[in-house]
Amino acid sequence: MKMKRTRTIVAVFLFSAIALVSCKKESASESEQPYTANCNGDSQAPPNGSTATATFNGKYNSSTGTFSGTLTYSGITPTGWYVQKGTTLVNGEIIASLGAVVTSPVSINIQLSASAAAELKAGNCYVNIQSAAYPSGEIRGKLVAK
């Protein structure tokens, strides 16, 4: 009888341990989706032949709603930069400003609205960088989830 009780206790303990290991808490990395964008004049609508370039590497944190990363640009004097909603070669509405225009590289850390986050996750967004020569956008690049 004592042996049977010991086996039962061991079995319950093992089952409990397996159940606890199987339970998974969402980690910070699971709530963060990396994104990248390669910006150039050929991606503008219409393409403009600008030789300026920019790269955005960052992430969206679904737990906090924060979109952050680094924007590196060259060959352009920006007057503004934004996340815009739109498909390839179609101009879209601005859904978020990327902050004050400063020299490259730029650290980005902004809050996205729920609707902007939904557009980002659906793959419907791009980075658009404006200049005095191209006030509606000199270079742009689609935000792609990695």
N, C-alpha and C. Protein backbone atom coordinates (compact mmCIF):
# COMPACT_ATOMS: atom_id res chain seq x y z
N MET A 1 0.82 -1.19 0.00
CA MET A 1 0.00 0.00 0.00
C MET A 1 0.87 1.26 0.00
N LYS A 2 1.96 1.23 0.80
CA LYS A 2 2.85 2.36 0.87
C LYS A 2 3.52 2.60 -0.49
N MET A 3 3.88 1.53 -1.19
CA MET A 3 4.52 1.63 -2.50
C MET A 3 3.57 2.27 -3.52
N LYS A 4 2.30 1.88 -3.48
CA LYS A 4 1.32 2.43 -4.41
C LYS A 4 1.12 3.92 -4.17
N ARG A 5 1.10 4.32 -2.90
CA ARG A 5 0.93 5.72 -2.54
C ARG A 5 2.14 6.54 -3.01
N THR A 6 3.32 6.00 -2.88
CA THR A 6 4.54 6.68 -3.32
C THR A 6 4.52 6.87 -4.83
N ARG A 7 4.11 5.83 -5.56
CA ARG A 7 4.02 5.94 -7.02
C ARG A 7 3.02 7.01 -7.43
N THR A 8 1.90 7.07 -6.72
CA THR A 8 0.88 8.06 -7.03
C THR A 8 1.42 9.47 -6.80
N ILE A 9 2.12 9.67 -5.70
CA ILE A 9 2.69 10.98 -5.40
C ILE A 9 3.73 11.37 -6.45
N VAL A 10 4.59 10.44 -6.82
CA VAL A 10 5.60 10.70 -7.85
C VAL A 10 4.93 11.03 -9.19
N ALA A 11 3.89 10.29 -9.54
CA ALA A 11 3.19 10.53 -10.80
C ALA A 11 2.54 11.91 -10.80
N VAL A 12 1.91 12.29 -9.70
CA VAL A 12 1.28 13.61 -9.60
C VAL A 12 2.35 14.70 -9.69
N PHE A 13 3.47 14.50 -9.03
CA PHE A 13 4.56 15.48 -9.07
C PHE A 13 5.09 15.65 -10.50
N LEU A 14 5.34 14.54 -11.18
CA LEU A 14 5.85 14.60 -12.56
C LEU A 14 4.85 15.27 -13.49
N PHE A 15 3.58 14.92 -13.36
CA PHE A 15 2.54 15.53 -14.19
C PHE A 15 2.49 17.04 -13.95
N SER A 16 2.57 17.45 -12.69
CA SER A 16 2.54 18.88 -12.35
C SER A 16 3.75 19.61 -12.93
N ALA A 17 4.92 18.97 -12.84
CA ALA A 17 6.13 19.58 -13.39
C ALA A 17 6.03 19.76 -14.90
N ILE A 18 5.53 18.74 -15.58
CA ILE A 18 5.36 18.82 -17.03
C ILE A 18 4.35 19.91 -17.39
N ALA A 19 3.28 20.00 -16.64
CA ALA A 19 2.26 21.02 -16.91
C ALA A 19 2.83 22.42 -16.72
N LEU A 20 3.65 22.63 -15.70
CA LEU A 20 4.24 23.94 -15.47
C LEU A 20 5.23 24.31 -16.57
N VAL A 21 6.02 23.35 -17.01
CA VAL A 21 6.98 23.61 -18.08
C VAL A 21 6.24 23.93 -19.37
N SER A 22 5.11 23.30 -19.59
CA SER A 22 4.34 23.52 -20.82
C SER A 22 3.69 24.89 -20.86
N CYS A 23 3.39 25.47 -19.70
CA CYS A 23 2.80 26.80 -19.66
C CYS A 23 3.86 27.79 -20.09
N LYS A 24 3.51 28.65 -21.03
CA LYS A 24 4.48 29.56 -21.60
C LYS A 24 4.00 30.98 -21.43
N LYS A 25 4.82 31.79 -20.82
CA LYS A 25 4.52 33.20 -20.69
C LYS A 25 5.11 33.93 -21.89
N GLU A 26 4.38 34.91 -22.44
CA GLU A 26 4.89 35.65 -23.59
C GLU A 26 6.10 36.46 -23.15
N SER A 27 7.20 36.28 -23.84
CA SER A 27 8.41 37.02 -23.52
C SER A 27 8.42 38.34 -24.27
N ALA A 28 9.36 39.22 -23.88
CA ALA A 28 9.47 40.51 -24.55
C ALA A 28 9.74 40.34 -26.04
N SER A 29 10.56 39.35 -26.38
CA SER A 29 10.89 39.17 -27.79
C SER A 29 9.68 38.72 -28.61
N GLU A 30 8.73 38.01 -27.99
CA GLU A 30 7.53 37.57 -28.71
C GLU A 30 6.56 38.72 -28.96
N SER A 31 6.63 39.77 -28.15
CA SER A 31 5.75 40.91 -28.35
C SER A 31 6.39 41.97 -29.25
N GLU A 32 7.65 41.74 -29.66
CA GLU A 32 8.36 42.68 -30.51
C GLU A 32 8.54 42.11 -31.91
N GLN A 33 8.06 42.84 -32.90
CA GLN A 33 8.20 42.43 -34.30
C GLN A 33 9.21 43.35 -34.98
N PRO A 34 10.32 42.80 -35.48
CA PRO A 34 11.30 43.63 -36.19
C PRO A 34 10.76 44.09 -37.55
N TYR A 35 11.15 45.30 -37.94
CA TYR A 35 10.79 45.87 -39.24
C TYR A 35 12.01 46.52 -39.87
N THR A 36 12.03 46.54 -41.19
CA THR A 36 13.08 47.23 -41.93
C THR A 36 12.46 47.95 -43.12
N ALA A 37 13.12 49.01 -43.56
CA ALA A 37 12.71 49.73 -44.78
C ALA A 37 13.95 50.27 -45.46
N ASN A 38 14.04 50.08 -46.76
CA ASN A 38 15.11 50.64 -47.57
C ASN A 38 14.50 51.70 -48.47
N CYS A 39 14.87 52.96 -48.23
CA CYS A 39 14.24 54.09 -48.91
C CYS A 39 15.08 54.59 -50.08
N ASN A 40 14.40 54.93 -51.19
CA ASN A 40 15.07 55.51 -52.35
C ASN A 40 14.04 56.25 -53.20
N GLY A 41 14.53 57.01 -54.16
CA GLY A 41 13.65 57.80 -55.02
C GLY A 41 12.83 56.98 -55.98
N ASP A 42 13.33 55.80 -56.36
CA ASP A 42 12.58 54.94 -57.28
C ASP A 42 11.31 54.38 -56.65
N SER A 43 11.25 54.40 -55.31
CA SER A 43 10.06 53.88 -54.62
C SER A 43 8.99 54.94 -54.42
N GLN A 44 9.30 56.19 -54.75
CA GLN A 44 8.32 57.26 -54.62
C GLN A 44 7.22 57.10 -55.67
N ALA A 45 6.12 57.80 -55.45
CA ALA A 45 5.00 57.79 -56.41
C ALA A 45 4.76 59.21 -56.88
N PRO A 46 5.18 59.57 -58.07
CA PRO A 46 5.93 58.77 -59.04
C PRO A 46 7.42 58.74 -58.70
N PRO A 47 8.16 57.77 -59.24
CA PRO A 47 9.61 57.71 -59.01
C PRO A 47 10.25 59.02 -59.48
N ASN A 48 11.28 59.48 -58.74
CA ASN A 48 11.84 60.80 -59.04
C ASN A 48 13.32 60.80 -59.40
N GLY A 49 14.01 59.69 -59.34
CA GLY A 49 15.41 59.65 -59.71
C GLY A 49 16.38 60.18 -58.67
N SER A 50 15.90 60.51 -57.47
CA SER A 50 16.79 60.98 -56.42
C SER A 50 17.83 59.91 -56.10
N THR A 51 19.05 60.35 -55.83
CA THR A 51 20.12 59.41 -55.45
C THR A 51 20.23 59.26 -53.94
N ALA A 52 19.39 59.98 -53.19
CA ALA A 52 19.39 59.85 -51.73
C ALA A 52 18.93 58.45 -51.33
N THR A 53 19.39 58.01 -50.17
CA THR A 53 18.98 56.71 -49.64
C THR A 53 18.79 56.81 -48.13
N ALA A 54 18.06 55.86 -47.60
CA ALA A 54 17.88 55.75 -46.15
C ALA A 54 17.52 54.32 -45.82
N THR A 55 17.86 53.93 -44.61
CA THR A 55 17.51 52.61 -44.10
C THR A 55 16.91 52.77 -42.71
N PHE A 56 15.79 52.10 -42.48
CA PHE A 56 15.20 52.04 -41.15
C PHE A 56 15.29 50.61 -40.66
N ASN A 57 15.79 50.44 -39.45
CA ASN A 57 15.79 49.14 -38.77
C ASN A 57 15.21 49.36 -37.38
N GLY A 58 14.15 48.63 -37.07
CA GLY A 58 13.52 48.83 -35.79
C GLY A 58 12.57 47.72 -35.44
N LYS A 59 11.64 48.04 -34.53
CA LYS A 59 10.69 47.03 -34.06
C LYS A 59 9.42 47.71 -33.57
N TYR A 60 8.36 46.94 -33.59
CA TYR A 60 7.09 47.37 -33.00
C TYR A 60 6.81 46.46 -31.81
N ASN A 61 6.57 47.06 -30.65
CA ASN A 61 6.26 46.30 -29.45
C ASN A 61 4.75 46.33 -29.25
N SER A 62 4.10 45.18 -29.44
CA SER A 62 2.64 45.12 -29.35
C SER A 62 2.14 45.26 -27.91
N SER A 63 3.00 45.00 -26.93
CA SER A 63 2.59 45.16 -25.53
C SER A 63 2.50 46.63 -25.12
N THR A 64 3.42 47.45 -25.66
CA THR A 64 3.46 48.85 -25.27
C THR A 64 2.95 49.81 -26.35
N GLY A 65 2.83 49.32 -27.59
CA GLY A 65 2.41 50.17 -28.70
C GLY A 65 3.53 51.06 -29.22
N THR A 66 4.77 50.75 -28.83
CA THR A 66 5.92 51.57 -29.20
C THR A 66 6.56 51.08 -30.49
N PHE A 67 6.84 52.02 -31.38
CA PHE A 67 7.56 51.76 -32.62
C PHE A 67 8.90 52.47 -32.48
N SER A 68 9.99 51.71 -32.51
CA SER A 68 11.30 52.30 -32.27
C SER A 68 12.34 51.73 -33.22
N GLY A 69 13.43 52.44 -33.35
CA GLY A 69 14.51 51.96 -34.21
C GLY A 69 15.44 53.08 -34.60
N THR A 70 16.22 52.81 -35.65
CA THR A 70 17.21 53.77 -36.13
C THR A 70 17.00 54.03 -37.62
N LEU A 71 16.96 55.29 -37.98
CA LEU A 71 16.85 55.72 -39.37
C LEU A 71 18.18 56.35 -39.75
N THR A 72 18.82 55.80 -40.78
CA THR A 72 20.10 56.32 -41.27
C THR A 72 19.89 56.79 -42.70
N TYR A 73 20.28 58.02 -43.00
CA TYR A 73 20.05 58.55 -44.34
C TYR A 73 21.31 59.23 -44.88
N SER A 74 21.36 59.38 -46.22
CA SER A 74 22.45 60.11 -46.86
C SER A 74 21.96 60.69 -48.18
N GLY A 75 22.61 61.80 -48.59
CA GLY A 75 22.28 62.43 -49.86
C GLY A 75 21.00 63.24 -49.85
N ILE A 76 20.51 63.59 -48.67
CA ILE A 76 19.25 64.33 -48.55
C ILE A 76 19.32 65.23 -47.32
N THR A 77 18.68 66.40 -47.43
CA THR A 77 18.48 67.26 -46.26
C THR A 77 16.99 67.20 -45.95
N PRO A 78 16.61 66.34 -45.02
CA PRO A 78 15.18 66.12 -44.74
C PRO A 78 14.49 67.35 -44.15
N THR A 79 13.23 67.51 -44.50
CA THR A 79 12.38 68.52 -43.87
C THR A 79 11.27 67.86 -43.05
N GLY A 80 11.09 66.56 -43.22
CA GLY A 80 10.10 65.81 -42.46
C GLY A 80 10.20 64.33 -42.80
N TRP A 81 9.74 63.49 -41.88
CA TRP A 81 9.68 62.05 -42.13
C TRP A 81 8.52 61.46 -41.37
N TYR A 82 7.91 60.49 -42.03
CA TYR A 82 6.64 59.97 -41.53
C TYR A 82 6.50 58.48 -41.84
N VAL A 83 5.61 57.85 -41.08
CA VAL A 83 5.08 56.54 -41.47
C VAL A 83 3.77 56.85 -42.18
N GLN A 84 3.62 56.33 -43.38
CA GLN A 84 2.41 56.58 -44.15
C GLN A 84 1.76 55.27 -44.55
N LYS A 85 0.45 55.33 -44.68
CA LYS A 85 -0.35 54.17 -45.10
C LYS A 85 -0.43 54.20 -46.61
N GLY A 86 -0.12 53.08 -47.24
CA GLY A 86 -0.23 53.03 -48.69
C GLY A 86 0.51 51.83 -49.26
N THR A 87 0.13 51.47 -50.45
CA THR A 87 0.77 50.35 -51.13
C THR A 87 1.85 50.88 -52.08
N THR A 88 2.57 49.99 -52.71
CA THR A 88 3.65 50.36 -53.61
C THR A 88 3.17 51.34 -54.67
N LEU A 89 3.91 52.43 -54.81
CA LEU A 89 3.66 53.48 -55.81
C LEU A 89 2.31 54.17 -55.68
N VAL A 90 1.69 54.08 -54.51
CA VAL A 90 0.46 54.81 -54.23
C VAL A 90 0.72 55.67 -53.00
N ASN A 91 0.46 56.97 -53.12
CA ASN A 91 0.66 57.87 -51.99
C ASN A 91 -0.47 57.69 -50.99
N GLY A 92 -0.09 57.64 -49.72
CA GLY A 92 -1.07 57.42 -48.68
C GLY A 92 -1.03 58.49 -47.61
N GLU A 93 -1.97 58.39 -46.69
CA GLU A 93 -2.06 59.37 -45.61
C GLU A 93 -0.98 59.14 -44.57
N ILE A 94 -0.58 60.23 -43.91
CA ILE A 94 0.38 60.15 -42.81
C ILE A 94 -0.34 59.56 -41.62
N ILE A 95 0.24 58.51 -41.03
CA ILE A 95 -0.37 57.93 -39.83
C ILE A 95 0.49 58.15 -38.59
N ALA A 96 1.77 58.56 -38.78
CA ALA A 96 2.61 58.87 -37.63
C ALA A 96 3.83 59.67 -38.08
N SER A 97 4.16 60.71 -37.32
CA SER A 97 5.40 61.45 -37.54
C SER A 97 6.52 60.69 -36.86
N LEU A 98 7.70 60.68 -37.48
CA LEU A 98 8.84 60.02 -36.86
C LEU A 98 9.63 60.96 -35.97
N GLY A 99 9.10 62.13 -35.69
CA GLY A 99 9.73 63.05 -34.75
C GLY A 99 10.46 64.18 -35.44
N ALA A 100 11.23 64.94 -34.63
CA ALA A 100 11.96 66.10 -35.12
C ALA A 100 13.04 65.68 -36.11
N VAL A 101 13.27 66.51 -37.10
CA VAL A 101 14.31 66.25 -38.09
C VAL A 101 15.66 66.59 -37.48
N VAL A 102 16.54 65.60 -37.43
CA VAL A 102 17.90 65.77 -36.89
C VAL A 102 18.87 65.07 -37.83
N THR A 103 20.17 65.20 -37.54
CA THR A 103 21.16 64.58 -38.41
C THR A 103 21.19 63.07 -38.24
N SER A 104 21.63 62.40 -39.29
CA SER A 104 21.69 60.94 -39.33
C SER A 104 22.86 60.43 -38.48
N PRO A 105 22.69 59.31 -37.81
CA PRO A 105 21.51 58.46 -37.68
C PRO A 105 20.52 59.01 -36.66
N VAL A 106 19.26 58.65 -36.83
CA VAL A 106 18.18 59.16 -36.00
C VAL A 106 17.58 58.03 -35.18
N SER A 107 17.45 58.25 -33.89
CA SER A 107 16.76 57.28 -33.03
C SER A 107 15.28 57.62 -33.02
N ILE A 108 14.46 56.62 -33.33
CA ILE A 108 13.01 56.79 -33.39
C ILE A 108 12.39 56.05 -32.21
N ASN A 109 11.46 56.69 -31.53
CA ASN A 109 10.73 56.04 -30.44
C ASN A 109 9.38 56.75 -30.32
N ILE A 110 8.36 56.18 -30.96
CA ILE A 110 7.04 56.81 -30.99
C ILE A 110 5.95 55.81 -30.59
N GLN A 111 4.82 56.35 -30.17
CA GLN A 111 3.63 55.53 -29.89
C GLN A 111 2.77 55.50 -31.14
N LEU A 112 2.32 54.32 -31.52
CA LEU A 112 1.39 54.20 -32.64
C LEU A 112 -0.02 54.03 -32.12
N SER A 113 -0.97 54.65 -32.80
CA SER A 113 -2.37 54.43 -32.47
C SER A 113 -2.73 52.99 -32.82
N ALA A 114 -3.85 52.52 -32.32
CA ALA A 114 -4.28 51.15 -32.63
C ALA A 114 -4.50 50.97 -34.12
N SER A 115 -5.06 51.98 -34.79
CA SER A 115 -5.30 51.85 -36.23
C SER A 115 -3.99 51.88 -37.01
N ALA A 116 -3.02 52.70 -36.59
CA ALA A 116 -1.71 52.73 -37.26
C ALA A 116 -0.99 51.40 -37.07
N ALA A 117 -1.07 50.85 -35.86
CA ALA A 117 -0.44 49.55 -35.60
C ALA A 117 -1.06 48.45 -36.46
N ALA A 118 -2.36 48.50 -36.64
CA ALA A 118 -3.04 47.50 -37.47
C ALA A 118 -2.57 47.60 -38.92
N GLU A 119 -2.40 48.82 -39.43
CA GLU A 119 -1.90 49.01 -40.80
C GLU A 119 -0.46 48.51 -40.93
N LEU A 120 0.36 48.79 -39.92
CA LEU A 120 1.75 48.33 -39.93
C LEU A 120 1.80 46.81 -39.97
N LYS A 121 1.04 46.16 -39.09
CA LYS A 121 1.03 44.70 -39.03
C LYS A 121 0.50 44.07 -40.31
N ALA A 122 -0.40 44.78 -41.00
CA ALA A 122 -0.97 44.27 -42.25
C ALA A 122 -0.03 44.47 -43.44
N GLY A 123 1.09 45.16 -43.22
CA GLY A 123 2.05 45.39 -44.30
C GLY A 123 1.68 46.53 -45.22
N ASN A 124 0.89 47.49 -44.71
CA ASN A 124 0.39 48.59 -45.54
C ASN A 124 1.09 49.91 -45.28
N CYS A 125 2.32 49.90 -44.77
CA CYS A 125 2.97 51.15 -44.40
C CYS A 125 4.34 51.30 -45.04
N TYR A 126 4.75 52.56 -45.16
CA TYR A 126 6.08 52.87 -45.66
C TYR A 126 6.63 54.09 -44.93
N VAL A 127 7.96 54.24 -44.95
CA VAL A 127 8.63 55.42 -44.43
C VAL A 127 8.78 56.39 -45.59
N ASN A 128 8.41 57.65 -45.38
CA ASN A 128 8.51 58.68 -46.41
C ASN A 128 9.35 59.82 -45.85
N ILE A 129 10.39 60.21 -46.59
CA ILE A 129 11.27 61.30 -46.16
C ILE A 129 11.14 62.43 -47.16
N GLN A 130 10.77 63.61 -46.65
CA GLN A 130 10.54 64.79 -47.48
C GLN A 130 11.76 65.70 -47.48
N SER A 131 11.86 66.53 -48.51
CA SER A 131 12.92 67.54 -48.61
C SER A 131 12.33 68.80 -49.22
N ALA A 132 13.12 69.88 -49.24
CA ALA A 132 12.65 71.12 -49.87
C ALA A 132 12.40 70.90 -51.36
N ALA A 133 13.24 70.10 -52.00
CA ALA A 133 13.08 69.83 -53.44
C ALA A 133 11.86 68.96 -53.72
N TYR A 134 11.52 68.09 -52.78
CA TYR A 134 10.39 67.16 -52.94
C TYR A 134 9.53 67.21 -51.68
N PRO A 135 8.69 68.25 -51.54
CA PRO A 135 7.92 68.43 -50.30
C PRO A 135 6.93 67.32 -49.99
N SER A 136 6.51 66.54 -50.98
CA SER A 136 5.60 65.43 -50.68
C SER A 136 6.36 64.11 -50.52
N GLY A 137 7.68 64.15 -50.65
CA GLY A 137 8.50 62.98 -50.42
C GLY A 137 9.57 62.80 -51.47
N GLU A 138 10.83 62.74 -51.00
CA GLU A 138 11.95 62.50 -51.92
C GLU A 138 12.28 61.02 -52.01
N ILE A 139 12.29 60.36 -50.86
CA ILE A 139 12.58 58.92 -50.84
C ILE A 139 11.60 58.21 -49.92
N ARG A 140 11.36 56.96 -50.23
CA ARG A 140 10.48 56.17 -49.38
C ARG A 140 10.85 54.71 -49.47
N GLY A 141 10.41 53.95 -48.45
CA GLY A 141 10.66 52.52 -48.43
C GLY A 141 9.57 51.81 -47.65
N LYS A 142 9.14 50.69 -48.17
CA LYS A 142 8.09 49.88 -47.53
C LYS A 142 8.61 49.28 -46.23
N LEU A 143 7.81 49.37 -45.18
CA LEU A 143 8.15 48.73 -43.90
C LEU A 143 7.81 47.25 -44.01
N VAL A 144 8.83 46.43 -43.88
CA VAL A 144 8.68 44.99 -44.05
C VAL A 144 9.02 44.29 -42.74
N ALA A 145 8.13 43.41 -42.29
CA ALA A 145 8.40 42.61 -41.10
C ALA A 145 9.49 41.60 -41.42
N LYS A 146 10.42 41.46 -40.50
CA LYS A 146 11.52 40.49 -40.70
C LYS A 146 11.11 39.13 -40.21
